[in-house]
């Protein structure tokens, strides 16, 4: 838990601020990976990488600011962030050397990421208050909810030709596809 307290004064505008903030974080992150490099022979090389990640974020941030010398006497803010994600990924790199010096080669690069469970929720709540004879407040609420897991596919095939001192040529084709979806909500209420 993080606790912060700050006091400041603007002498020119005769405004004073008193701010108190608490931040509580419970994060857990687990990951494991395995990499395999194998040369079948001098012309054929393969590299494969597999990764699994499990991430949980749970954070609560709250603050209150007392203000003197302005129309707003107090500001309160609350932020809750809850994020859980589970994903695994695979990457493949294959080189086919067409000559002994490696001046001509074909490379295949392929990636796959599957986020099979995801939940991201961010809540922001702000309240601006006056403590005059006729109290007024502005209440603002913002929510971001991303609950749909995503998948990412990417494959690339390259041909490289080295012309020595004359330069190098590279040609290839690539395909990738990914999707993500968010729900966003914002509301303000003034009284």
N, C-alpha and C. Protein backbone atom coordinates (compact mmCIF):
# COMPACT_ATOMS: atom_id res chain seq x y z
N UNK A 1 0.84 -1.17 0.00
CA UNK A 1 0.00 0.00 0.00
C UNK A 1 0.89 1.25 0.00
N UNK A 2 0.51 2.21 -0.81
CA UNK A 2 1.23 3.47 -0.90
C UNK A 2 0.33 4.57 -0.37
N UNK A 3 0.85 5.37 0.53
CA UNK A 3 0.08 6.47 1.11
C UNK A 3 0.83 7.76 0.86
N UNK A 4 0.14 8.76 0.35
CA UNK A 4 0.78 10.03 0.08
C UNK A 4 -0.05 11.19 0.59
N UNK A 5 0.62 12.18 1.09
CA UNK A 5 -0.06 13.38 1.59
C UNK A 5 0.73 14.58 1.12
N UNK A 6 0.01 15.57 0.57
CA UNK A 6 0.68 16.75 0.01
C UNK A 6 -0.12 18.00 0.38
N UNK A 7 0.60 19.03 0.76
CA UNK A 7 -0.01 20.32 1.08
C UNK A 7 0.73 21.39 0.29
N UNK A 8 -0.03 22.23 -0.40
CA UNK A 8 0.59 23.29 -1.18
C UNK A 8 -0.27 24.55 -1.11
N UNK A 9 0.38 25.69 -1.39
CA UNK A 9 -0.31 26.97 -1.31
C UNK A 9 0.13 27.86 -2.47
N UNK A 10 -0.85 28.44 -3.15
CA UNK A 10 -0.60 29.41 -4.21
C UNK A 10 -0.80 30.80 -3.59
N UNK A 11 0.29 31.47 -3.25
CA UNK A 11 0.21 32.74 -2.56
C UNK A 11 -0.38 33.82 -3.46
N UNK A 12 -0.03 33.81 -4.74
CA UNK A 12 -0.49 34.84 -5.66
C UNK A 12 -2.01 34.82 -5.81
N UNK A 13 -2.60 33.62 -5.98
CA UNK A 13 -4.04 33.49 -6.17
C UNK A 13 -4.79 33.17 -4.89
N UNK A 14 -4.07 33.05 -3.78
CA UNK A 14 -4.66 32.78 -2.47
C UNK A 14 -5.48 31.49 -2.49
N UNK A 15 -4.86 30.43 -2.99
CA UNK A 15 -5.49 29.12 -3.06
C UNK A 15 -4.60 28.12 -2.35
N UNK A 16 -5.20 27.27 -1.52
CA UNK A 16 -4.45 26.24 -0.79
C UNK A 16 -5.02 24.88 -1.13
N UNK A 17 -4.12 23.89 -1.27
CA UNK A 17 -4.50 22.52 -1.60
C UNK A 17 -4.00 21.58 -0.50
N UNK A 18 -4.85 20.64 -0.13
CA UNK A 18 -4.46 19.58 0.80
C UNK A 18 -4.91 18.27 0.19
N UNK A 19 -3.95 17.42 -0.16
CA UNK A 19 -4.25 16.21 -0.94
C UNK A 19 -3.78 14.97 -0.21
N UNK A 20 -4.65 13.95 -0.14
CA UNK A 20 -4.33 12.67 0.48
C UNK A 20 -4.67 11.57 -0.53
N UNK A 21 -3.71 10.66 -0.78
CA UNK A 21 -3.89 9.60 -1.77
C UNK A 21 -3.47 8.26 -1.16
N UNK A 22 -4.27 7.23 -1.41
CA UNK A 22 -3.87 5.86 -1.05
C UNK A 22 -3.95 5.00 -2.30
N UNK A 23 -2.95 4.16 -2.48
CA UNK A 23 -2.86 3.29 -3.65
C UNK A 23 -2.54 1.88 -3.16
N UNK A 24 -3.45 0.96 -3.41
CA UNK A 24 -3.29 -0.43 -2.99
C UNK A 24 -3.21 -1.30 -4.24
N UNK A 25 -2.13 -2.08 -4.37
CA UNK A 25 -1.90 -2.88 -5.57
C UNK A 25 -1.68 -4.34 -5.18
N UNK A 26 -2.41 -5.22 -5.85
CA UNK A 26 -2.21 -6.66 -5.71
C UNK A 26 -1.99 -7.22 -7.12
N UNK A 27 -0.76 -7.33 -7.53
CA UNK A 27 -0.43 -7.84 -8.87
C UNK A 27 0.23 -9.20 -8.77
N UNK A 28 -0.12 -10.07 -9.70
CA UNK A 28 0.52 -11.38 -9.80
C UNK A 28 0.79 -11.64 -11.28
N UNK A 29 2.01 -12.03 -11.57
CA UNK A 29 2.41 -12.28 -12.96
C UNK A 29 3.24 -13.56 -13.00
N UNK A 30 2.76 -14.54 -13.76
CA UNK A 30 3.47 -15.80 -13.92
C UNK A 30 3.70 -16.04 -15.40
N UNK A 31 4.88 -16.45 -15.76
CA UNK A 31 5.13 -16.78 -17.16
C UNK A 31 6.20 -17.86 -17.25
N UNK A 32 6.12 -18.60 -18.32
CA UNK A 32 7.12 -19.63 -18.58
C UNK A 32 7.33 -19.68 -20.10
N UNK A 33 8.52 -20.03 -20.51
CA UNK A 33 8.80 -20.10 -21.94
C UNK A 33 9.80 -21.22 -22.22
N UNK A 34 9.74 -21.71 -23.45
CA UNK A 34 10.63 -22.77 -23.90
C UNK A 34 11.09 -22.41 -25.31
N UNK A 35 12.39 -22.45 -25.53
CA UNK A 35 12.95 -22.14 -26.84
C UNK A 35 13.79 -23.31 -27.32
N UNK A 36 13.59 -23.66 -28.58
CA UNK A 36 14.31 -24.77 -29.19
C UNK A 36 14.98 -24.26 -30.47
N UNK A 37 16.29 -24.44 -30.58
CA UNK A 37 17.05 -24.13 -31.79
C UNK A 37 17.66 -25.43 -32.32
N UNK A 38 17.42 -25.70 -33.60
CA UNK A 38 17.93 -26.96 -34.15
C UNK A 38 18.42 -26.73 -35.58
N UNK A 39 19.63 -27.14 -35.85
CA UNK A 39 20.18 -27.10 -37.21
C UNK A 39 20.13 -28.52 -37.77
N UNK A 40 19.23 -28.74 -38.72
CA UNK A 40 19.11 -30.07 -39.33
C UNK A 40 20.39 -30.43 -40.08
N UNK A 41 20.90 -29.45 -40.81
CA UNK A 41 22.17 -29.56 -41.52
C UNK A 41 22.61 -28.13 -41.83
N UNK A 42 23.75 -27.91 -42.49
CA UNK A 42 24.20 -26.53 -42.74
C UNK A 42 23.21 -25.67 -43.53
N UNK A 43 22.26 -26.30 -44.22
CA UNK A 43 21.33 -25.53 -45.06
C UNK A 43 19.98 -25.27 -44.40
N UNK A 44 19.63 -26.01 -43.38
CA UNK A 44 18.29 -25.91 -42.78
C UNK A 44 18.40 -25.66 -41.27
N UNK A 45 17.82 -24.53 -40.84
CA UNK A 45 17.84 -24.15 -39.43
C UNK A 45 16.41 -23.86 -38.95
N UNK A 46 16.14 -24.26 -37.73
CA UNK A 46 14.80 -24.07 -37.17
C UNK A 46 14.91 -23.51 -35.75
N UNK A 47 14.06 -22.54 -35.44
CA UNK A 47 13.96 -22.01 -34.08
C UNK A 47 12.48 -21.93 -33.73
N UNK A 48 12.12 -22.47 -32.57
CA UNK A 48 10.73 -22.48 -32.11
C UNK A 48 10.71 -21.93 -30.68
N UNK A 49 9.72 -21.07 -30.40
CA UNK A 49 9.58 -20.51 -29.07
C UNK A 49 8.12 -20.65 -28.64
N UNK A 50 7.91 -21.14 -27.42
CA UNK A 50 6.57 -21.26 -26.84
C UNK A 50 6.56 -20.51 -25.51
N UNK A 51 5.46 -19.78 -25.27
CA UNK A 51 5.37 -18.95 -24.07
C UNK A 51 3.97 -19.02 -23.50
N UNK A 52 3.90 -19.06 -22.16
CA UNK A 52 2.61 -19.00 -21.46
C UNK A 52 2.69 -17.89 -20.42
N UNK A 53 1.63 -17.06 -20.35
CA UNK A 53 1.62 -15.94 -19.42
C UNK A 53 0.27 -15.85 -18.72
N UNK A 54 0.34 -15.61 -17.41
CA UNK A 54 -0.85 -15.48 -16.57
C UNK A 54 -0.64 -14.19 -15.75
N UNK A 55 -1.48 -13.18 -16.01
CA UNK A 55 -1.29 -11.88 -15.37
C UNK A 55 -2.57 -11.45 -14.67
N UNK A 56 -2.45 -11.05 -13.41
CA UNK A 56 -3.58 -10.53 -12.65
C UNK A 56 -3.17 -9.20 -12.03
N UNK A 57 -3.97 -8.17 -12.29
CA UNK A 57 -3.74 -6.85 -11.68
C UNK A 57 -5.00 -6.45 -10.93
N UNK A 58 -4.82 -6.01 -9.70
CA UNK A 58 -5.93 -5.59 -8.86
C UNK A 58 -5.47 -4.35 -8.09
N UNK A 59 -5.92 -3.17 -8.52
CA UNK A 59 -5.43 -1.93 -7.94
C UNK A 59 -6.58 -1.03 -7.55
N UNK A 60 -6.44 -0.40 -6.40
CA UNK A 60 -7.43 0.55 -5.89
C UNK A 60 -6.70 1.85 -5.56
N UNK A 61 -7.14 2.93 -6.18
CA UNK A 61 -6.52 4.23 -5.97
C UNK A 61 -7.61 5.22 -5.56
N UNK A 62 -7.43 5.83 -4.41
CA UNK A 62 -8.41 6.80 -3.93
C UNK A 62 -7.72 8.05 -3.45
N UNK A 63 -8.37 9.18 -3.68
CA UNK A 63 -7.77 10.43 -3.25
C UNK A 63 -8.81 11.48 -2.92
N UNK A 64 -8.45 12.37 -2.03
CA UNK A 64 -9.32 13.48 -1.67
C UNK A 64 -8.46 14.74 -1.59
N UNK A 65 -8.94 15.79 -2.25
CA UNK A 65 -8.24 17.07 -2.25
C UNK A 65 -9.17 18.14 -1.69
N UNK A 66 -8.76 18.79 -0.62
CA UNK A 66 -9.48 19.93 -0.07
C UNK A 66 -8.85 21.20 -0.62
N UNK A 67 -9.72 22.09 -1.13
CA UNK A 67 -9.25 23.31 -1.78
C UNK A 67 -9.90 24.51 -1.09
N UNK A 68 -9.13 25.50 -0.76
CA UNK A 68 -9.68 26.75 -0.24
C UNK A 68 -9.29 27.88 -1.17
N UNK A 69 -10.25 28.80 -1.40
CA UNK A 69 -9.98 29.95 -2.26
C UNK A 69 -10.53 29.81 -3.65
N UNK A 70 -11.30 28.75 -3.95
CA UNK A 70 -11.90 28.56 -5.27
C UNK A 70 -13.36 28.19 -5.10
N UNK A 71 -14.08 28.11 -6.24
CA UNK A 71 -15.49 27.73 -6.19
C UNK A 71 -15.66 26.27 -5.80
N UNK A 72 -14.70 25.44 -6.13
CA UNK A 72 -14.75 24.02 -5.76
C UNK A 72 -13.98 23.85 -4.46
N UNK A 73 -14.65 23.28 -3.45
CA UNK A 73 -14.02 23.14 -2.14
C UNK A 73 -13.39 21.76 -1.92
N UNK A 74 -13.87 20.77 -2.67
CA UNK A 74 -13.34 19.43 -2.45
C UNK A 74 -13.46 18.61 -3.72
N UNK A 75 -12.44 17.83 -4.00
CA UNK A 75 -12.44 16.91 -5.13
C UNK A 75 -12.10 15.52 -4.62
N UNK A 76 -12.92 14.56 -5.00
CA UNK A 76 -12.66 13.18 -4.64
C UNK A 76 -12.50 12.37 -5.92
N UNK A 77 -11.54 11.46 -5.93
CA UNK A 77 -11.34 10.62 -7.10
C UNK A 77 -11.10 9.18 -6.66
N UNK A 78 -11.69 8.27 -7.40
CA UNK A 78 -11.54 6.84 -7.14
C UNK A 78 -11.24 6.13 -8.45
N UNK A 79 -10.30 5.23 -8.42
CA UNK A 79 -9.94 4.47 -9.62
C UNK A 79 -9.74 3.02 -9.21
N UNK A 80 -10.49 2.15 -9.85
CA UNK A 80 -10.34 0.72 -9.64
C UNK A 80 -9.94 0.09 -10.96
N UNK A 81 -8.89 -0.70 -10.93
CA UNK A 81 -8.42 -1.37 -12.14
C UNK A 81 -8.28 -2.86 -11.84
N UNK A 82 -9.05 -3.66 -12.55
CA UNK A 82 -8.99 -5.12 -12.40
C UNK A 82 -8.69 -5.72 -13.76
N UNK A 83 -7.60 -6.44 -13.85
CA UNK A 83 -7.18 -6.98 -15.14
C UNK A 83 -6.72 -8.43 -14.95
N UNK A 84 -7.34 -9.33 -15.68
CA UNK A 84 -6.92 -10.73 -15.69
C UNK A 84 -6.75 -11.15 -17.14
N UNK A 85 -5.60 -11.71 -17.43
CA UNK A 85 -5.37 -12.18 -18.78
C UNK A 85 -4.55 -13.47 -18.75
N UNK A 86 -4.91 -14.37 -19.62
CA UNK A 86 -4.21 -15.64 -19.77
C UNK A 86 -3.94 -15.82 -21.26
N UNK A 87 -2.70 -16.03 -21.63
CA UNK A 87 -2.42 -16.23 -23.04
C UNK A 87 -1.23 -17.14 -23.24
N UNK A 88 -1.17 -17.70 -24.42
CA UNK A 88 -0.01 -18.46 -24.82
C UNK A 88 0.35 -18.07 -26.25
N UNK A 89 1.61 -18.27 -26.60
CA UNK A 89 2.07 -17.88 -27.92
C UNK A 89 3.10 -18.86 -28.44
N UNK A 90 3.18 -18.93 -29.75
CA UNK A 90 4.16 -19.75 -30.44
C UNK A 90 4.82 -18.92 -31.54
N UNK A 91 6.10 -19.07 -31.70
CA UNK A 91 6.83 -18.39 -32.77
C UNK A 91 7.73 -19.41 -33.45
N UNK A 92 7.78 -19.32 -34.78
CA UNK A 92 8.58 -20.25 -35.57
C UNK A 92 9.44 -19.45 -36.55
N UNK A 93 10.71 -19.81 -36.64
CA UNK A 93 11.63 -19.17 -37.57
C UNK A 93 12.38 -20.29 -38.28
N UNK A 94 12.23 -20.34 -39.60
CA UNK A 94 12.88 -21.39 -40.39
C UNK A 94 13.71 -20.75 -41.49
N UNK A 95 14.99 -21.11 -41.56
CA UNK A 95 15.90 -20.61 -42.59
C UNK A 95 16.32 -21.76 -43.51
N UNK A 96 16.23 -21.51 -44.81
CA UNK A 96 16.70 -22.47 -45.82
C UNK A 96 17.78 -21.75 -46.63
N UNK A 97 19.05 -22.10 -46.37
CA UNK A 97 20.17 -21.49 -47.08
C UNK A 97 20.34 -22.19 -48.42
N UNK A 98 20.28 -21.41 -49.50
CA UNK A 98 20.34 -21.98 -50.84
C UNK A 98 21.77 -22.10 -51.37
N UNK A 99 22.75 -21.57 -50.62
CA UNK A 99 24.15 -21.77 -50.97
C UNK A 99 24.95 -21.87 -49.67
N UNK A 100 26.18 -22.28 -49.77
CA UNK A 100 27.00 -22.53 -48.57
C UNK A 100 27.39 -21.24 -47.85
N UNK A 101 27.39 -20.11 -48.52
CA UNK A 101 27.79 -18.85 -47.90
C UNK A 101 26.59 -18.10 -47.28
N UNK A 102 25.40 -18.53 -47.56
CA UNK A 102 24.22 -17.85 -47.03
C UNK A 102 23.87 -16.58 -47.78
N UNK A 103 24.35 -16.45 -49.02
CA UNK A 103 24.03 -15.27 -49.82
C UNK A 103 22.61 -15.31 -50.36
N UNK A 104 22.07 -16.51 -50.48
CA UNK A 104 20.69 -16.67 -50.92
C UNK A 104 19.98 -17.56 -49.90
N UNK A 105 18.87 -17.06 -49.39
CA UNK A 105 18.13 -17.89 -48.43
C UNK A 105 16.65 -17.53 -48.42
N UNK A 106 15.88 -18.50 -48.01
CA UNK A 106 14.44 -18.34 -47.83
C UNK A 106 14.15 -18.46 -46.34
N UNK A 107 13.37 -17.51 -45.82
CA UNK A 107 13.05 -17.49 -44.39
C UNK A 107 11.54 -17.50 -44.20
N UNK A 108 11.10 -18.32 -43.28
CA UNK A 108 9.68 -18.37 -42.90
C UNK A 108 9.57 -17.94 -41.45
N UNK A 109 8.77 -16.90 -41.19
CA UNK A 109 8.51 -16.41 -39.84
C UNK A 109 7.02 -16.55 -39.58
N UNK A 110 6.66 -17.14 -38.46
CA UNK A 110 5.26 -17.34 -38.15
C UNK A 110 5.03 -17.16 -36.65
N UNK A 111 3.95 -16.44 -36.31
CA UNK A 111 3.59 -16.18 -34.91
C UNK A 111 2.11 -16.47 -34.70
N UNK A 112 1.81 -16.99 -33.52
CA UNK A 112 0.42 -17.19 -33.12
C UNK A 112 0.30 -16.86 -31.64
N UNK A 113 -0.62 -15.96 -31.31
CA UNK A 113 -0.89 -15.59 -29.92
C UNK A 113 -2.36 -15.82 -29.66
N UNK A 114 -2.66 -16.54 -28.61
CA UNK A 114 -4.04 -16.80 -28.23
C UNK A 114 -4.27 -16.34 -26.80
N UNK A 115 -5.03 -15.27 -26.65
CA UNK A 115 -5.42 -14.80 -25.33
C UNK A 115 -6.79 -15.43 -25.07
N UNK A 116 -6.79 -16.57 -24.40
CA UNK A 116 -8.02 -17.34 -24.28
C UNK A 116 -8.91 -16.88 -23.13
N UNK A 117 -8.40 -16.00 -22.28
CA UNK A 117 -9.25 -15.42 -21.24
C UNK A 117 -8.74 -14.01 -20.96
N UNK A 118 -9.67 -13.06 -20.98
CA UNK A 118 -9.27 -11.68 -20.73
C UNK A 118 -10.41 -10.93 -20.07
N UNK A 119 -10.09 -10.15 -19.09
CA UNK A 119 -11.06 -9.28 -18.44
C UNK A 119 -10.32 -8.04 -17.97
N UNK A 120 -10.66 -6.91 -18.56
CA UNK A 120 -10.05 -5.64 -18.18
C UNK A 120 -11.17 -4.69 -17.82
N UNK A 121 -11.18 -4.24 -16.57
CA UNK A 121 -12.20 -3.31 -16.12
C UNK A 121 -11.52 -2.15 -15.42
N UNK A 122 -11.76 -0.96 -15.94
CA UNK A 122 -11.25 0.28 -15.35
C UNK A 122 -12.44 1.15 -14.99
N UNK A 123 -12.52 1.54 -13.75
CA UNK A 123 -13.57 2.43 -13.28
C UNK A 123 -12.92 3.70 -12.72
N UNK A 124 -13.37 4.86 -13.21
CA UNK A 124 -12.92 6.14 -12.71
C UNK A 124 -14.14 6.90 -12.20
N UNK A 125 -14.03 7.44 -11.01
CA UNK A 125 -15.14 8.17 -10.42
C UNK A 125 -14.58 9.46 -9.82
N UNK A 126 -15.08 10.59 -10.30
CA UNK A 126 -14.63 11.90 -9.83
C UNK A 126 -15.82 12.67 -9.29
N UNK A 127 -15.65 13.32 -8.16
CA UNK A 127 -16.70 14.15 -7.58
C UNK A 127 -16.08 15.49 -7.20
N UNK A 128 -16.62 16.58 -7.74
CA UNK A 128 -16.23 17.93 -7.36
C UNK A 128 -17.37 18.54 -6.56
N UNK A 129 -17.09 19.02 -5.35
CA UNK A 129 -18.13 19.50 -4.45
C UNK A 129 -17.86 20.94 -4.02
N UNK A 130 -18.95 21.66 -3.72
CA UNK A 130 -18.84 22.95 -3.06
C UNK A 130 -19.55 22.84 -1.72
N UNK A 131 -19.08 23.56 -0.75
CA UNK A 131 -19.69 23.51 0.59
C UNK A 131 -20.29 24.86 0.94
N UNK A 132 -20.71 25.60 -0.07
CA UNK A 132 -21.33 26.89 0.16
C UNK A 132 -22.77 26.70 0.65
N UNK A 133 -23.53 27.81 0.77
CA UNK A 133 -24.90 27.71 1.27
C UNK A 133 -25.78 26.89 0.33
N UNK A 134 -25.50 26.94 -0.97
CA UNK A 134 -26.22 26.13 -1.94
C UNK A 134 -25.23 25.12 -2.53
N UNK A 135 -25.16 23.94 -1.93
CA UNK A 135 -24.15 22.96 -2.37
C UNK A 135 -24.36 22.53 -3.83
N UNK A 136 -23.27 22.39 -4.54
CA UNK A 136 -23.29 21.91 -5.92
C UNK A 136 -22.22 20.83 -6.06
N UNK A 137 -22.44 19.93 -6.97
CA UNK A 137 -21.41 18.94 -7.22
C UNK A 137 -21.46 18.50 -8.67
N UNK A 138 -20.33 18.06 -9.15
CA UNK A 138 -20.22 17.46 -10.48
C UNK A 138 -19.74 16.03 -10.27
N UNK A 139 -20.51 15.08 -10.70
CA UNK A 139 -20.22 13.66 -10.52
C UNK A 139 -19.90 13.07 -11.89
N UNK A 140 -18.70 12.56 -12.06
CA UNK A 140 -18.28 12.01 -13.35
C UNK A 140 -17.88 10.55 -13.17
N UNK A 141 -18.41 9.70 -14.04
CA UNK A 141 -18.15 8.27 -13.95
C UNK A 141 -17.70 7.77 -15.32
N UNK A 142 -16.60 7.04 -15.35
CA UNK A 142 -16.06 6.53 -16.61
C UNK A 142 -15.72 5.05 -16.43
N UNK A 143 -16.11 4.23 -17.38
CA UNK A 143 -15.87 2.79 -17.29
C UNK A 143 -15.35 2.27 -18.62
N UNK A 144 -14.31 1.45 -18.56
CA UNK A 144 -13.77 0.78 -19.74
C UNK A 144 -13.75 -0.71 -19.45
N UNK A 145 -14.44 -1.48 -20.26
CA UNK A 145 -14.57 -2.92 -20.03
C UNK A 145 -14.18 -3.66 -21.30
N UNK A 146 -13.08 -4.38 -21.24
CA UNK A 146 -12.64 -5.19 -22.38
C UNK A 146 -12.68 -6.64 -21.95
N UNK A 147 -13.60 -7.39 -22.50
CA UNK A 147 -13.81 -8.75 -22.02
C UNK A 147 -13.60 -9.81 -23.09
N UNK A 148 -13.38 -9.41 -24.31
CA UNK A 148 -13.25 -10.40 -25.38
C UNK A 148 -11.78 -10.74 -25.60
N UNK A 149 -11.43 -11.99 -25.48
CA UNK A 149 -10.04 -12.37 -25.76
C UNK A 149 -9.69 -12.11 -27.23
N UNK A 150 -8.42 -12.02 -27.51
CA UNK A 150 -8.01 -11.79 -28.88
C UNK A 150 -7.09 -12.91 -29.35
N UNK A 151 -7.02 -13.02 -30.65
CA UNK A 151 -6.07 -13.93 -31.28
C UNK A 151 -5.31 -13.16 -32.34
N UNK A 152 -4.06 -13.48 -32.48
CA UNK A 152 -3.20 -12.81 -33.45
C UNK A 152 -2.49 -13.87 -34.28
N UNK A 153 -2.60 -13.74 -35.59
CA UNK A 153 -1.90 -14.63 -36.52
C UNK A 153 -0.98 -13.77 -37.38
N UNK A 154 0.20 -14.24 -37.63
CA UNK A 154 1.12 -13.53 -38.50
C UNK A 154 2.07 -14.54 -39.15
N UNK A 155 2.19 -14.44 -40.46
CA UNK A 155 3.10 -15.32 -41.20
C UNK A 155 3.79 -14.49 -42.28
N UNK A 156 5.08 -14.72 -42.43
CA UNK A 156 5.86 -13.98 -43.42
C UNK A 156 6.83 -14.93 -44.10
N UNK A 157 6.92 -14.81 -45.41
CA UNK A 157 7.86 -15.60 -46.20
C UNK A 157 8.76 -14.63 -46.96
N UNK A 158 10.09 -14.79 -46.80
CA UNK A 158 11.06 -13.86 -47.41
C UNK A 158 12.06 -14.62 -48.27
N UNK A 159 12.49 -13.93 -49.31
CA UNK A 159 13.63 -14.42 -50.09
C UNK A 159 14.69 -13.32 -50.09
N UNK A 160 15.91 -13.67 -49.70
CA UNK A 160 17.00 -12.71 -49.61
C UNK A 160 18.12 -13.15 -50.55
N UNK A 161 18.62 -12.18 -51.31
CA UNK A 161 19.71 -12.45 -52.25
C UNK A 161 20.77 -11.37 -52.05
N UNK A 162 21.99 -11.80 -51.73
CA UNK A 162 23.11 -10.89 -51.52
C UNK A 162 23.92 -10.83 -52.82
N UNK A 163 24.08 -9.61 -53.34
CA UNK A 163 24.83 -9.42 -54.58
C UNK A 163 26.26 -8.99 -54.31
N UNK A 164 26.74 -9.19 -53.09
CA UNK A 164 28.10 -8.78 -52.74
C UNK A 164 28.17 -7.28 -52.53
N UNK A 165 29.17 -6.64 -53.14
CA UNK A 165 29.34 -5.20 -52.99
C UNK A 165 28.25 -4.41 -53.71
N UNK A 166 27.55 -5.04 -54.63
CA UNK A 166 26.50 -4.36 -55.40
C UNK A 166 25.24 -4.13 -54.57
N UNK A 167 25.09 -4.85 -53.46
CA UNK A 167 23.90 -4.65 -52.63
C UNK A 167 23.20 -5.95 -52.28
N UNK A 168 21.97 -5.80 -51.84
CA UNK A 168 21.20 -6.95 -51.37
C UNK A 168 19.76 -6.77 -51.78
N UNK A 169 19.12 -7.85 -52.19
CA UNK A 169 17.71 -7.81 -52.57
C UNK A 169 16.88 -8.63 -51.60
N UNK A 170 15.67 -8.12 -51.30
CA UNK A 170 14.77 -8.81 -50.39
C UNK A 170 13.36 -8.71 -50.94
N UNK A 171 12.68 -9.84 -51.02
CA UNK A 171 11.29 -9.89 -51.48
C UNK A 171 10.53 -10.83 -50.56
N UNK A 172 9.24 -10.57 -50.41
CA UNK A 172 8.47 -11.45 -49.55
C UNK A 172 7.02 -11.07 -49.50
N UNK A 173 6.29 -11.85 -48.72
CA UNK A 173 4.87 -11.63 -48.53
C UNK A 173 4.55 -11.88 -47.06
N UNK A 174 3.58 -11.10 -46.52
CA UNK A 174 3.23 -11.23 -45.10
C UNK A 174 1.72 -11.13 -44.95
N UNK A 175 1.19 -11.92 -44.02
CA UNK A 175 -0.23 -11.87 -43.68
C UNK A 175 -0.35 -11.85 -42.16
N UNK A 176 -1.24 -10.98 -41.65
CA UNK A 176 -1.51 -10.96 -40.22
C UNK A 176 -2.96 -10.58 -39.99
N UNK A 177 -3.50 -11.03 -38.86
CA UNK A 177 -4.90 -10.78 -38.53
C UNK A 177 -5.03 -10.71 -37.01
N UNK A 178 -5.75 -9.71 -36.51
CA UNK A 178 -6.00 -9.60 -35.07
C UNK A 178 -7.30 -8.86 -34.84
N UNK A 179 -7.93 -9.12 -33.68
CA UNK A 179 -9.17 -8.45 -33.33
C UNK A 179 -9.15 -8.12 -31.85
N UNK A 180 -9.83 -7.01 -31.49
CA UNK A 180 -10.01 -6.63 -30.08
C UNK A 180 -11.30 -5.82 -29.99
N UNK A 181 -11.96 -5.88 -28.84
CA UNK A 181 -13.24 -5.20 -28.67
C UNK A 181 -13.32 -4.58 -27.28
N UNK A 182 -13.76 -3.33 -27.21
CA UNK A 182 -13.90 -2.60 -25.94
C UNK A 182 -15.31 -2.07 -25.78
N UNK A 183 -15.78 -2.01 -24.54
CA UNK A 183 -16.99 -1.28 -24.20
C UNK A 183 -16.59 -0.07 -23.37
N UNK A 184 -17.11 1.10 -23.74
CA UNK A 184 -16.71 2.34 -23.08
C UNK A 184 -17.96 3.11 -22.68
N UNK A 185 -17.97 3.61 -21.45
CA UNK A 185 -19.13 4.34 -20.93
C UNK A 185 -18.66 5.55 -20.16
N UNK A 186 -19.31 6.68 -20.40
CA UNK A 186 -18.95 7.92 -19.70
C UNK A 186 -20.23 8.66 -19.33
N UNK A 187 -20.31 9.13 -18.09
CA UNK A 187 -21.50 9.82 -17.61
C UNK A 187 -21.09 10.98 -16.70
N UNK A 188 -21.76 12.12 -16.89
CA UNK A 188 -21.57 13.27 -16.01
C UNK A 188 -22.91 13.71 -15.47
N UNK A 189 -22.95 14.07 -14.20
CA UNK A 189 -24.18 14.54 -13.59
C UNK A 189 -23.84 15.77 -12.75
N UNK A 190 -24.59 16.83 -13.00
CA UNK A 190 -24.33 18.08 -12.29
C UNK A 190 -25.58 18.48 -11.53
N UNK A 191 -25.41 18.91 -10.30
CA UNK A 191 -26.54 19.34 -9.49
C UNK A 191 -26.22 20.62 -8.76
